[in-house]
Amino acid sequence: MTQHGQGELAKLVHDARKPLNQISMNSELIKLIAEQPGSQQQIIEIANTIIKATKECSELLQTLVEQGNNE
């Protein structure tokens, strides 16, 4: 792998960490909020954030695969 390719790979891995951190933090938040009465709407909103972050991470991983296939 070229130095440019390694730099690009490092950037993609770094970018993938952001949605993974969002997933982790929001999962913890759901655990805390679930104990409160009337928290259903908040849980739904947080779950939607987790779904969005999961899709974002999946797209980044697909980009990584495609770049790997091009080299």
N, C-alpha and C. Protein backbone atom coordinates (compact mmCIF):
# COMPACT_ATOMS: atom_id res chain seq x y z
N MET A 1 0.84 -1.16 0.00
CA MET A 1 0.00 0.00 0.00
C MET A 1 0.89 1.24 0.00
N THR A 2 0.54 2.20 -0.81
CA THR A 2 1.32 3.43 -0.89
C THR A 2 1.10 4.28 0.35
N GLN A 3 1.97 5.26 0.51
CA GLN A 3 1.84 6.16 1.66
C GLN A 3 0.53 6.94 1.56
N HIS A 4 0.16 7.32 0.33
CA HIS A 4 -1.12 8.03 0.14
C HIS A 4 -2.28 7.12 0.52
N GLY A 5 -2.20 5.85 0.13
CA GLY A 5 -3.24 4.88 0.45
C GLY A 5 -3.36 4.66 1.94
N GLN A 6 -2.22 4.63 2.64
CA GLN A 6 -2.23 4.44 4.09
C GLN A 6 -2.86 5.66 4.77
N GLY A 7 -2.56 6.83 4.26
CA GLY A 7 -3.15 8.06 4.82
C GLY A 7 -4.65 8.09 4.62
N GLU A 8 -5.09 7.65 3.46
CA GLU A 8 -6.52 7.59 3.17
C GLU A 8 -7.21 6.56 4.06
N LEU A 9 -6.56 5.43 4.27
CA LEU A 9 -7.09 4.39 5.14
C LEU A 9 -7.22 4.91 6.58
N ALA A 10 -6.19 5.59 7.05
CA ALA A 10 -6.22 6.14 8.41
C ALA A 10 -7.35 7.14 8.56
N LYS A 11 -7.59 7.95 7.53
CA LYS A 11 -8.69 8.92 7.58
C LYS A 11 -10.03 8.22 7.65
N LEU A 12 -10.22 7.18 6.85
CA LEU A 12 -11.49 6.46 6.86
C LEU A 12 -11.73 5.78 8.21
N VAL A 13 -10.70 5.20 8.78
CA VAL A 13 -10.83 4.55 10.08
C VAL A 13 -11.19 5.60 11.14
N HIS A 14 -10.53 6.75 11.07
CA HIS A 14 -10.84 7.84 12.00
C HIS A 14 -12.29 8.28 11.83
N ASP A 15 -12.73 8.43 10.59
CA ASP A 15 -14.11 8.85 10.31
C ASP A 15 -15.12 7.82 10.80
N ALA A 16 -14.77 6.55 10.75
CA ALA A 16 -15.68 5.48 11.20
C ALA A 16 -15.83 5.48 12.71
N ARG A 17 -14.86 6.00 13.41
CA ARG A 17 -14.95 6.02 14.88
C ARG A 17 -16.04 6.96 15.38
N LYS A 18 -16.30 8.04 14.64
CA LYS A 18 -17.31 9.01 15.08
C LYS A 18 -18.69 8.36 15.21
N PRO A 19 -19.20 7.70 14.16
CA PRO A 19 -20.52 7.08 14.35
C PRO A 19 -20.50 5.94 15.36
N LEU A 20 -19.38 5.25 15.47
CA LEU A 20 -19.31 4.18 16.48
C LEU A 20 -19.39 4.76 17.89
N ASN A 21 -18.75 5.89 18.11
CA ASN A 21 -18.85 6.56 19.41
C ASN A 21 -20.27 7.04 19.67
N GLN A 22 -20.95 7.55 18.63
CA GLN A 22 -22.34 7.98 18.77
C GLN A 22 -23.22 6.80 19.16
N ILE A 23 -23.00 5.66 18.53
CA ILE A 23 -23.78 4.47 18.84
C ILE A 23 -23.58 4.07 20.29
N SER A 24 -22.35 4.05 20.73
CA SER A 24 -22.03 3.67 22.10
C SER A 24 -22.66 4.62 23.11
N MET A 25 -22.47 5.92 22.91
CA MET A 25 -22.99 6.91 23.86
C MET A 25 -24.51 6.89 23.89
N ASN A 26 -25.15 6.77 22.75
CA ASN A 26 -26.61 6.77 22.72
C ASN A 26 -27.19 5.49 23.30
N SER A 27 -26.48 4.40 23.16
CA SER A 27 -26.93 3.16 23.79
C SER A 27 -26.92 3.29 25.31
N GLU A 28 -25.87 3.89 25.82
CA GLU A 28 -25.79 4.14 27.27
C GLU A 28 -26.92 5.08 27.71
N LEU A 29 -27.21 6.07 26.89
CA LEU A 29 -28.28 7.03 27.20
C LEU A 29 -29.64 6.33 27.26
N ILE A 30 -29.88 5.42 26.34
CA ILE A 30 -31.13 4.66 26.36
C ILE A 30 -31.27 3.90 27.68
N LYS A 31 -30.20 3.29 28.13
CA LYS A 31 -30.24 2.55 29.39
C LYS A 31 -30.65 3.46 30.54
N LEU A 32 -30.13 4.67 30.56
CA LEU A 32 -30.46 5.61 31.64
C LEU A 32 -31.90 6.11 31.53
N ILE A 33 -32.31 6.45 30.33
CA ILE A 33 -33.64 7.04 30.13
C ILE A 33 -34.74 5.99 30.29
N ALA A 34 -34.46 4.75 29.94
CA ALA A 34 -35.48 3.70 29.99
C ALA A 34 -36.05 3.52 31.39
N GLU A 35 -35.31 3.90 32.40
CA GLU A 35 -35.76 3.75 33.78
C GLU A 35 -36.75 4.83 34.18
N GLN A 36 -36.89 5.88 33.37
CA GLN A 36 -37.78 6.98 33.70
C GLN A 36 -39.16 6.75 33.09
N PRO A 37 -40.22 7.05 33.85
CA PRO A 37 -41.57 6.90 33.30
C PRO A 37 -41.80 7.91 32.16
N GLY A 38 -42.53 7.50 31.14
CA GLY A 38 -42.86 8.39 30.03
C GLY A 38 -41.70 8.71 29.13
N SER A 39 -40.74 7.82 29.03
CA SER A 39 -39.53 8.09 28.25
C SER A 39 -39.57 7.50 26.85
N GLN A 40 -40.71 6.97 26.45
CA GLN A 40 -40.80 6.26 25.17
C GLN A 40 -40.38 7.13 23.98
N GLN A 41 -40.85 8.37 23.91
CA GLN A 41 -40.51 9.24 22.78
C GLN A 41 -39.01 9.52 22.73
N GLN A 42 -38.41 9.77 23.87
CA GLN A 42 -36.96 10.01 23.92
C GLN A 42 -36.19 8.78 23.45
N ILE A 43 -36.64 7.61 23.85
CA ILE A 43 -35.97 6.38 23.45
C ILE A 43 -36.07 6.19 21.95
N ILE A 44 -37.22 6.49 21.37
CA ILE A 44 -37.39 6.38 19.92
C ILE A 44 -36.44 7.33 19.20
N GLU A 45 -36.32 8.55 19.68
CA GLU A 45 -35.41 9.53 19.06
C GLU A 45 -33.95 9.07 19.15
N ILE A 46 -33.58 8.55 20.29
CA ILE A 46 -32.21 8.07 20.47
C ILE A 46 -31.95 6.86 19.57
N ALA A 47 -32.94 5.97 19.50
CA ALA A 47 -32.80 4.80 18.62
C ALA A 47 -32.62 5.24 17.18
N ASN A 48 -33.34 6.27 16.75
CA ASN A 48 -33.17 6.78 15.38
C ASN A 48 -31.77 7.34 15.17
N THR A 49 -31.21 7.97 16.18
CA THR A 49 -29.84 8.47 16.09
C THR A 49 -28.86 7.30 15.94
N ILE A 50 -29.10 6.24 16.68
CA ILE A 50 -28.25 5.05 16.58
C ILE A 50 -28.34 4.44 15.18
N ILE A 51 -29.54 4.35 14.65
CA ILE A 51 -29.74 3.80 13.30
C ILE A 51 -29.00 4.65 12.27
N LYS A 52 -29.10 5.97 12.39
CA LYS A 52 -28.41 6.88 11.46
C LYS A 52 -26.90 6.68 11.54
N ALA A 53 -26.36 6.60 12.75
CA ALA A 53 -24.92 6.42 12.93
C ALA A 53 -24.46 5.08 12.38
N THR A 54 -25.30 4.05 12.54
CA THR A 54 -24.96 2.73 12.01
C THR A 54 -24.87 2.76 10.49
N LYS A 55 -25.82 3.43 9.86
CA LYS A 55 -25.79 3.55 8.40
C LYS A 55 -24.57 4.33 7.92
N GLU A 56 -24.24 5.40 8.65
CA GLU A 56 -23.06 6.20 8.32
C GLU A 56 -21.79 5.37 8.40
N CYS A 57 -21.67 4.58 9.44
CA CYS A 57 -20.51 3.72 9.61
C CYS A 57 -20.45 2.67 8.50
N SER A 58 -21.59 2.12 8.16
CA SER A 58 -21.65 1.12 7.09
C SER A 58 -21.19 1.72 5.76
N GLU A 59 -21.60 2.95 5.48
CA GLU A 59 -21.18 3.62 4.24
C GLU A 59 -19.67 3.83 4.24
N LEU A 60 -19.12 4.24 5.37
CA LEU A 60 -17.67 4.43 5.46
C LEU A 60 -16.93 3.12 5.25
N LEU A 61 -17.44 2.05 5.82
CA LEU A 61 -16.79 0.74 5.63
C LEU A 61 -16.89 0.29 4.17
N GLN A 62 -18.00 0.58 3.51
CA GLN A 62 -18.14 0.24 2.10
C GLN A 62 -17.13 1.02 1.27
N THR A 63 -16.93 2.28 1.59
CA THR A 63 -15.93 3.09 0.91
C THR A 63 -14.55 2.48 1.10
N LEU A 64 -14.28 2.01 2.30
CA LEU A 64 -13.00 1.37 2.60
C LEU A 64 -12.81 0.13 1.74
N VAL A 65 -13.83 -0.69 1.63
CA VAL A 65 -13.77 -1.90 0.80
C VAL A 65 -13.52 -1.55 -0.66
N GLU A 66 -14.25 -0.56 -1.15
CA GLU A 66 -14.09 -0.15 -2.54
C GLU A 66 -12.70 0.38 -2.83
N GLN A 67 -12.15 1.14 -1.91
CA GLN A 67 -10.80 1.67 -2.10
C GLN A 67 -9.79 0.53 -2.07
N GLY A 68 -10.01 -0.45 -1.21
CA GLY A 68 -9.13 -1.60 -1.15
C GLY A 68 -9.16 -2.41 -2.44
N ASN A 69 -10.32 -2.47 -3.07
CA ASN A 69 -10.45 -3.20 -4.33
C ASN A 69 -9.79 -2.45 -5.48
N ASN A 70 -9.66 -1.15 -5.35
CA ASN A 70 -9.07 -0.34 -6.43
C ASN A 70 -7.54 -0.37 -6.39
N GLU A 71 -6.98 -0.87 -5.32
CA GLU A 71 -5.51 -0.89 -5.22
C GLU A 71 -4.93 -2.21 -5.59
